[in-house]
Every structure is written in C-alpha cells, then in structure tokens.
Amino acid sequence: MLIKKLEKHFDVLTAPHLKAAARDKTNTFKKMDELEFRDSIRAHAHYVKQPFLEDNNFAGSKEHQQKCYEMAVKLFAS
C-alpha cells in the first residue's frame, strides 16, 4: 500500500521532467519516453529507500549517497 502511494507521488514528476528534457539545449537529459521515465524513477527510489527499510548501516552513509547520485546520473543523464 505504501509503495502505491509513493508511486503516485513519483508520477507527479513525470510531466515536468519530460518538459524540461524537451527544452534542454545542453544535451544533458537522457531522451526517454514516459514509461521509461516512470520505470527509472521507481528503480532509483527503490535503491534509495531499500537500505532504510532493511535497517542497514549503509543507509544514509556517504557511500550510499554517492551510489544514489551515480545511479541517478546513469538513469537520467545522457
């Protein structure tokens, strides 16, 4: 149930991201359609939150933050 609520919040990000990507003149946004964006944001959110749900010491660490950043760049940047 919580996951479904979170996914609805992620969906709010879809249109603004795709509009920003369409306006992008720096070629820094990865070209993706709505479905790919939704899958990517959900994958990234899962990677961010999973260590917290597992009460893992990795959660929130500098290494976790760096890995989350690197994953976001791979998923959303060209």
PDB file of N, CA and C in Angstrom:
ATOM      1  N   MET A   1       0.827  -1.192   0.000  1.00  0.00           N
ATOM      2  CA  MET A   1       0.000   0.000   0.000  1.00  0.00           C
ATOM      3  C   MET A   1       0.872   1.257   0.000  1.00  0.00           C
ATOM      4  N   LEU A   2       1.882   1.290   0.845  1.00  0.00           N
ATOM      5  CA  LEU A   2       2.782   2.437   0.900  1.00  0.00           C
ATOM      6  C   LEU A   2       3.486   2.635  -0.439  1.00  0.00           C
ATOM      7  N   ILE A   3       3.878   1.544  -1.077  1.00  0.00           N
ATOM      8  CA  ILE A   3       4.570   1.633  -2.365  1.00  0.00           C
ATOM      9  C   ILE A   3       3.663   2.290  -3.398  1.00  0.00           C
ATOM     10  N   LYS A   4       2.396   1.923  -3.429  1.00  0.00           N
ATOM     11  CA  LYS A   4       1.451   2.512  -4.384  1.00  0.00           C
ATOM     12  C   LYS A   4       1.297   4.014  -4.145  1.00  0.00           C
ATOM     13  N   LYS A   5       1.283   4.424  -2.887  1.00  0.00           N
ATOM     14  CA  LYS A   5       1.181   5.855  -2.575  1.00  0.00           C
ATOM     15  C   LYS A   5       2.428   6.586  -3.048  1.00  0.00           C
ATOM     16  N   LEU A   6       3.591   5.979  -2.827  1.00  0.00           N
ATOM     17  CA  LEU A   6       4.833   6.595  -3.275  1.00  0.00           C
ATOM     18  C   LEU A   6       4.872   6.711  -4.792  1.00  0.00           C
ATOM     19  N   GLU A   7       4.414   5.664  -5.484  1.00  0.00           N
ATOM     20  CA  GLU A   7       4.422   5.686  -6.945  1.00  0.00           C
ATOM     21  C   GLU A   7       3.543   6.814  -7.482  1.00  0.00           C
ATOM     22  N   LYS A   8       2.448   7.113  -6.828  1.00  0.00           N
ATOM     23  CA  LYS A   8       1.594   8.225  -7.261  1.00  0.00           C
ATOM     24  C   LYS A   8       2.338   9.552  -7.124  1.00  0.00           C
ATOM     25  N   HIS A   9       3.144   9.673  -6.086  1.00  0.00           N
ATOM     26  CA  HIS A   9       3.951  10.887  -5.922  1.00  0.00           C
ATOM     27  C   HIS A   9       5.011  10.982  -7.016  1.00  0.00           C
ATOM     28  N   PHE A  10       5.598   9.853  -7.384  1.00  0.00           N
ATOM     29  CA  PHE A  10       6.599   9.851  -8.452  1.00  0.00           C
ATOM     30  C   PHE A  10       5.978  10.265  -9.778  1.00  0.00           C
ATOM     31  N   ASP A  11       4.736   9.844 -10.011  1.00  0.00           N
ATOM     32  CA  ASP A  11       4.073  10.171 -11.270  1.00  0.00           C
ATOM     33  C   ASP A  11       3.940  11.676 -11.469  1.00  0.00           C
ATOM     34  N   VAL A  12       3.882  12.431 -10.386  1.00  0.00           N
ATOM     35  CA  VAL A  12       3.795  13.886 -10.464  1.00  0.00           C
ATOM     36  C   VAL A  12       5.060  14.464 -11.108  1.00  0.00           C
ATOM     37  N   LEU A  13       6.170  13.753 -10.998  1.00  0.00           N
ATOM     38  CA  LEU A  13       7.436  14.221 -11.553  1.00  0.00           C
ATOM     39  C   LEU A  13       7.568  13.976 -13.056  1.00  0.00           C
ATOM     40  N   THR A  14       6.754  13.097 -13.598  1.00  0.00           N
ATOM     41  CA  THR A  14       6.913  12.675 -14.986  1.00  0.00           C
ATOM     42  C   THR A  14       6.777  13.830 -15.974  1.00  0.00           C
ATOM     43  N   ALA A  15       5.664  14.518 -15.957  1.00  0.00           N
ATOM     44  CA  ALA A  15       5.432  15.592 -16.936  1.00  0.00           C
ATOM     45  C   ALA A  15       6.473  16.710 -16.828  1.00  0.00           C
ATOM     46  N   PRO A  16       6.777  17.218 -15.619  1.00  0.00           N
ATOM     47  CA  PRO A  16       7.792  18.276 -15.542  1.00  0.00           C
ATOM     48  C   PRO A  16       9.163  17.826 -16.054  1.00  0.00           C
ATOM     49  N   HIS A  17       9.535  16.588 -15.765  1.00  0.00           N
ATOM     50  CA  HIS A  17      10.831  16.095 -16.237  1.00  0.00           C
ATOM     51  C   HIS A  17      10.857  16.020 -17.764  1.00  0.00           C
ATOM     52  N   LEU A  18       9.813  15.467 -18.339  1.00  0.00           N
ATOM     53  CA  LEU A  18       9.784  15.322 -19.795  1.00  0.00           C
ATOM     54  C   LEU A  18       9.741  16.686 -20.485  1.00  0.00           C
ATOM     55  N   LYS A  19       9.041  17.657 -19.892  1.00  0.00           N
ATOM     56  CA  LYS A  19       9.026  19.011 -20.458  1.00  0.00           C
ATOM     57  C   LYS A  19      10.406  19.656 -20.372  1.00  0.00           C
ATOM     58  N   ALA A  20      11.069  19.477 -19.234  1.00  0.00           N
ATOM     59  CA  ALA A  20      12.421  20.028 -19.074  1.00  0.00           C
ATOM     60  C   ALA A  20      13.383  19.376 -20.063  1.00  0.00           C
ATOM     61  N   ALA A  21      13.255  18.081 -20.257  1.00  0.00           N
ATOM     62  CA  ALA A  21      14.118  17.375 -21.213  1.00  0.00           C
ATOM     63  C   ALA A  21      13.883  17.891 -22.633  1.00  0.00           C
ATOM     64  N   ALA A  22      12.632  18.177 -22.972  1.00  0.00           N
ATOM     65  CA  ALA A  22      12.315  18.678 -24.313  1.00  0.00           C
ATOM     66  C   ALA A  22      12.892  20.081 -24.536  1.00  0.00           C
ATOM     67  N   ARG A  23      12.950  20.899 -23.483  1.00  0.00           N
ATOM     68  CA  ARG A  23      13.504  22.258 -23.581  1.00  0.00           C
ATOM     69  C   ARG A  23      15.029  22.283 -23.515  1.00  0.00           C
ATOM     70  N   ASP A  24      15.631  21.197 -23.088  1.00  0.00           N
ATOM     71  CA  ASP A  24      17.069  21.146 -22.821  1.00  0.00           C
ATOM     72  C   ASP A  24      17.897  21.441 -24.064  1.00  0.00           C
ATOM     73  N   LYS A  25      18.752  22.429 -23.972  1.00  0.00           N
ATOM     74  CA  LYS A  25      19.653  22.777 -25.074  1.00  0.00           C
ATOM     75  C   LYS A  25      21.083  22.318 -24.783  1.00  0.00           C
ATOM     76  N   THR A  26      21.314  21.797 -23.578  1.00  0.00           N
ATOM     77  CA  THR A  26      22.668  21.386 -23.180  1.00  0.00           C
ATOM     78  C   THR A  26      22.928  19.914 -23.460  1.00  0.00           C
ATOM     79  N   ASN A  27      21.894  19.199 -23.882  1.00  0.00           N
ATOM     80  CA  ASN A  27      22.001  17.772 -24.183  1.00  0.00           C
ATOM     81  C   ASN A  27      22.436  16.962 -22.953  1.00  0.00           C
ATOM     82  N   THR A  28      21.931  17.355 -21.780  1.00  0.00           N
ATOM     83  CA  THR A  28      22.283  16.637 -20.557  1.00  0.00           C
ATOM     84  C   THR A  28      21.194  15.678 -20.104  1.00  0.00           C
ATOM     85  N   PHE A  29      19.978  15.827 -20.629  1.00  0.00           N
ATOM     86  CA  PHE A  29      18.898  14.915 -20.276  1.00  0.00           C
ATOM     87  C   PHE A  29      18.928  13.696 -21.189  1.00  0.00           C
ATOM     88  N   LYS A  30      18.773  12.531 -20.613  1.00  0.00           N
ATOM     89  CA  LYS A  30      18.623  11.318 -21.413  1.00  0.00           C
ATOM     90  C   LYS A  30      17.259  11.372 -22.088  1.00  0.00           C
ATOM     91  N   LYS A  31      17.214  11.061 -23.358  1.00  0.00           N
ATOM     92  CA  LYS A  31      15.950  11.037 -24.092  1.00  0.00           C
ATOM     93  C   LYS A  31      15.197   9.763 -23.708  1.00  0.00           C
ATOM     94  N   MET A  32      14.018   9.944 -23.136  1.00  0.00           N
ATOM     95  CA  MET A  32      13.216   8.792 -22.731  1.00  0.00           C
ATOM     96  C   MET A  32      11.744   9.126 -22.845  1.00  0.00           C
ATOM     97  N   ASP A  33      10.953   8.091 -22.972  1.00  0.00           N
ATOM     98  CA  ASP A  33       9.511   8.308 -23.012  1.00  0.00           C
ATOM     99  C   ASP A  33       8.948   8.206 -21.589  1.00  0.00           C
ATOM    100  N   GLU A  34       7.660   8.402 -21.480  1.00  0.00           N
ATOM    101  CA  GLU A  34       7.017   8.428 -20.163  1.00  0.00           C
ATOM    102  C   GLU A  34       7.195   7.115 -19.409  1.00  0.00           C
ATOM    103  N   LEU A  35       7.032   6.001 -20.085  1.00  0.00           N
ATOM    104  CA  LEU A  35       7.151   4.697 -19.427  1.00  0.00           C
ATOM    105  C   LEU A  35       8.573   4.468 -18.917  1.00  0.00           C
ATOM    106  N   GLU A  36       9.561   4.795 -19.733  1.00  0.00           N
ATOM    107  CA  GLU A  36      10.948   4.621 -19.312  1.00  0.00           C
ATOM    108  C   GLU A  36      11.270   5.522 -18.120  1.00  0.00           C
ATOM    109  N   PHE A  37      10.768   6.754 -18.137  1.00  0.00           N
ATOM    110  CA  PHE A  37      10.996   7.644 -17.003  1.00  0.00           C
ATOM    111  C   PHE A  37      10.376   7.074 -15.739  1.00  0.00           C
ATOM    112  N   ARG A  38       9.142   6.619 -15.831  1.00  0.00           N
ATOM    113  CA  ARG A  38       8.468   6.058 -14.644  1.00  0.00           C
ATOM    114  C   ARG A  38       9.218   4.851 -14.104  1.00  0.00           C
ATOM    115  N   ASP A  39       9.669   3.971 -14.987  1.00  0.00           N
ATOM    116  CA  ASP A  39      10.438   2.807 -14.541  1.00  0.00           C
ATOM    117  C   ASP A  39      11.749   3.235 -13.897  1.00  0.00           C
ATOM    118  N   SER A  40      12.398   4.233 -14.477  1.00  0.00           N
ATOM    119  CA  SER A  40      13.681   4.702 -13.962  1.00  0.00           C
ATOM    120  C   SER A  40      13.535   5.346 -12.592  1.00  0.00           C
ATOM    121  N   ILE A  41      12.523   6.160 -12.422  1.00  0.00           N
ATOM    122  CA  ILE A  41      12.352   6.840 -11.127  1.00  0.00           C
ATOM    123  C   ILE A  41      11.983   5.844 -10.041  1.00  0.00           C
ATOM    124  N   ARG A  42      11.214   4.833 -10.403  1.00  0.00           N
ATOM    125  CA  ARG A  42      10.866   3.802  -9.419  1.00  0.00           C
ATOM    126  C   ARG A  42      12.091   2.962  -9.050  1.00  0.00           C
ATOM    127  N   ALA A  43      12.906   2.634 -10.032  1.00  0.00           N
ATOM    128  CA  ALA A  43      14.134   1.874  -9.755  1.00  0.00           C
ATOM    129  C   ALA A  43      15.062   2.664  -8.847  1.00  0.00           C
ATOM    130  N   HIS A  44      15.208   3.946  -9.145  1.00  0.00           N
ATOM    131  CA  HIS A  44      16.077   4.780  -8.326  1.00  0.00           C
ATOM    132  C   HIS A  44      15.527   4.912  -6.905  1.00  0.00           C
ATOM    133  N   ALA A  45      14.242   5.134  -6.769  1.00  0.00           N
ATOM    134  CA  ALA A  45      13.633   5.262  -5.443  1.00  0.00           C
ATOM    135  C   ALA A  45      13.797   3.981  -4.635  1.00  0.00           C
ATOM    136  N   HIS A  46      13.670   2.853  -5.293  1.00  0.00           N
ATOM    137  CA  HIS A  46      13.853   1.569  -4.611  1.00  0.00           C
ATOM    138  C   HIS A  46      15.274   1.458  -4.069  1.00  0.00           C
ATOM    139  N   TYR A  47      16.253   1.853  -4.877  1.00  0.00           N
ATOM    140  CA  TYR A  47      17.650   1.781  -4.446  1.00  0.00           C
ATOM    141  C   TYR A  47      17.912   2.732  -3.273  1.00  0.00           C
ATOM    142  N   VAL A  48      17.275   3.895  -3.292  1.00  0.00           N
ATOM    143  CA  VAL A  48      17.459   4.868  -2.212  1.00  0.00           C
ATOM    144  C   VAL A  48      16.847   4.354  -0.913  1.00  0.00           C
ATOM    145  N   LYS A  49      15.626   3.844  -0.967  1.00  0.00           N
ATOM    146  CA  LYS A  49      14.899   3.515   0.259  1.00  0.00           C
ATOM    147  C   LYS A  49      15.154   2.115   0.808  1.00  0.00           C
ATOM    148  N   GLN A  50      15.553   1.174   0.000  1.00  0.00           N
ATOM    149  CA  GLN A  50      15.676  -0.212   0.454  1.00  0.00           C
ATOM    150  C   GLN A  50      16.593  -0.380   1.668  1.00  0.00           C
ATOM    151  N   PRO A  51      17.786   0.220   1.702  1.00  0.00           N
ATOM    152  CA  PRO A  51      18.628   0.060   2.886  1.00  0.00           C
ATOM    153  C   PRO A  51      17.965   0.580   4.169  1.00  0.00           C
ATOM    154  N   PHE A  52      17.149   1.635   4.044  1.00  0.00           N
ATOM    155  CA  PHE A  52      16.443   2.156   5.220  1.00  0.00           C
ATOM    156  C   PHE A  52      15.408   1.149   5.703  1.00  0.00           C
ATOM    157  N   LEU A  53      14.694   0.522   4.767  1.00  0.00           N
ATOM    158  CA  LEU A  53      13.671  -0.464   5.125  1.00  0.00           C
ATOM    159  C   LEU A  53      14.288  -1.699   5.760  1.00  0.00           C
ATOM    160  N   GLU A  54      15.516  -2.010   5.367  1.00  0.00           N
ATOM    161  CA  GLU A  54      16.209  -3.187   5.915  1.00  0.00           C
ATOM    162  C   GLU A  54      16.998  -2.851   7.173  1.00  0.00           C
ATOM    163  N   ASP A  55      16.925  -1.588   7.612  1.00  0.00           N
ATOM    164  CA  ASP A  55      17.677  -1.130   8.777  1.00  0.00           C
ATOM    165  C   ASP A  55      19.162  -1.462   8.623  1.00  0.00           C
ATOM    166  N   ASN A  56      19.667  -1.141   7.442  1.00  0.00           N
ATOM    167  CA  ASN A  56      21.043  -1.439   7.072  1.00  0.00           C
ATOM    168  C   ASN A  56      21.928  -0.233   7.392  1.00  0.00           C
ATOM    169  N   ASN A  57      23.111  -0.456   7.926  1.00  0.00           N
ATOM    170  CA  ASN A  57      24.037   0.630   8.264  1.00  0.00           C
ATOM    171  C   ASN A  57      24.466   1.432   7.032  1.00  0.00           C
ATOM    172  N   PHE A  58      24.345   0.850   5.858  1.00  0.00           N
ATOM    173  CA  PHE A  58      24.685   1.513   4.596  1.00  0.00           C
ATOM    174  C   PHE A  58      23.757   2.700   4.340  1.00  0.00           C
ATOM    175  N   ALA A  59      22.532   2.623   4.847  1.00  0.00           N
ATOM    176  CA  ALA A  59      21.501   3.637   4.600  1.00  0.00           C
ATOM    177  C   ALA A  59      21.950   5.008   5.077  1.00  0.00           C
ATOM    178  N   GLY A  60      21.938   5.964   4.168  1.00  0.00           N
ATOM    179  CA  GLY A  60      22.263   7.337   4.506  1.00  0.00           C
ATOM    180  C   GLY A  60      23.744   7.651   4.618  1.00  0.00           C
ATOM    181  N   SER A  61      24.583   6.639   4.461  1.00  0.00           N
ATOM    182  CA  SER A  61      26.026   6.868   4.558  1.00  0.00           C
ATOM    183  C   SER A  61      26.518   7.667   3.351  1.00  0.00           C
ATOM    184  N   LYS A  62      27.718   8.192   3.458  1.00  0.00           N
ATOM    185  CA  LYS A  62      28.316   8.932   2.332  1.00  0.00           C
ATOM    186  C   LYS A  62      28.399   8.027   1.098  1.00  0.00           C
ATOM    187  N   GLU A  63      28.740   6.766   1.313  1.00  0.00           N
ATOM    188  CA  GLU A  63      28.830   5.824   0.190  1.00  0.00           C
ATOM    189  C   GLU A  63      27.452   5.622  -0.455  1.00  0.00           C
ATOM    190  N   HIS A  64      26.417   5.493   0.364  1.00  0.00           N
ATOM    191  CA  HIS A  64      25.059   5.322  -0.147  1.00  0.00           C
ATOM    192  C   HIS A  64      24.649   6.568  -0.947  1.00  0.00           C
ATOM    193  N   GLN A  65      24.945   7.740  -0.409  1.00  0.00           N
ATOM    194  CA  GLN A  65      24.623   8.980  -1.117  1.00  0.00           C
ATOM    195  C   GLN A  65      25.340   9.048  -2.457  1.00  0.00           C
ATOM    196  N   GLN A  66      26.614   8.676  -2.470  1.00  0.00           N
ATOM    197  CA  GLN A  66      27.391   8.712  -3.715  1.00  0.00           C
ATOM    198  C   GLN A  66      26.834   7.719  -4.734  1.00  0.00           C
ATOM    199  N   LYS A  67      26.499   6.523  -4.278  1.00  0.00           N
ATOM    200  CA  LYS A  67      25.937   5.498  -5.179  1.00  0.00           C
ATOM    201  C   LYS A  67      24.588   5.954  -5.730  1.00  0.00           C
ATOM    202  N   CYS A  68      23.766   6.596  -4.902  1.00  0.00           N
ATOM    203  CA  CYS A  68      22.463   7.107  -5.358  1.00  0.00           C
ATOM    204  C   CYS A  68      22.654   8.178  -6.428  1.00  0.00           C
ATOM    205  N   TYR A  69      23.629   9.055  -6.209  1.00  0.00           N
ATOM    206  CA  TYR A  69      23.934  10.100  -7.180  1.00  0.00           C
ATOM    207  C   TYR A  69      24.394   9.478  -8.505  1.00  0.00           C
ATOM    208  N   GLU A  70      25.321   8.537  -8.423  1.00  0.00           N
ATOM    209  CA  GLU A  70      25.842   7.893  -9.634  1.00  0.00           C
ATOM    210  C   GLU A  70      24.739   7.169 -10.396  1.00  0.00           C
ATOM    211  N   MET A  71      23.849   6.513  -9.666  1.00  0.00           N
ATOM    212  CA  MET A  71      22.748   5.809 -10.311  1.00  0.00           C
ATOM    213  C   MET A  71      21.813   6.811 -11.005  1.00  0.00           C
ATOM    214  N   ALA A  72      21.536   7.943 -10.362  1.00  0.00           N
ATOM    215  CA  ALA A  72      20.668   8.955 -10.965  1.00  0.00           C
ATOM    216  C   ALA A  72      21.277   9.486 -12.255  1.00  0.00           C
ATOM    217  N   VAL A  73      22.575   9.729 -12.240  1.00  0.00           N
ATOM    218  CA  VAL A  73      23.243  10.214 -13.445  1.00  0.00           C
ATOM    219  C   VAL A  73      23.122   9.192 -14.557  1.00  0.00           C
ATOM    220  N   LYS A  74      23.334   7.918 -14.244  1.00  0.00           N
ATOM    221  CA  LYS A  74      23.231   6.866 -15.268  1.00  0.00           C
ATOM    222  C   LYS A  74      21.806   6.742 -15.812  1.00  0.00           C
ATOM    223  N   LEU A  75      20.829   6.910 -14.926  1.00  0.00           N
ATOM    224  CA  LEU A  75      19.433   6.742 -15.342  1.00  0.00           C
ATOM    225  C   LEU A  75      18.883   7.936 -16.108  1.00  0.00           C
ATOM    226  N   PHE A  76      19.259   9.158 -15.715  1.00  0.00           N
ATOM    227  CA  PHE A  76      18.571  10.331 -16.225  1.00  0.00           C
ATOM    228  C   PHE A  76      19.414  11.262 -17.096  1.00  0.00           C
ATOM    229  N   ALA A  77      20.725  11.108 -17.084  1.00  0.00           N
ATOM    230  CA  ALA A  77      21.578  11.992 -17.887  1.00  0.00           C
ATOM    231  C   ALA A  77      22.015  11.283 -19.168  1.00  0.00           C
ATOM    232  N   SER A  78      22.299  12.091 -20.186  1.00  0.00           N
ATOM    233  CA  SER A  78      22.715  11.477 -21.459  1.00  0.00           C
ATOM    234  C   SER A  78      24.202  11.232 -21.473  1.00  0.00           C
TER     235      SER A  78
END
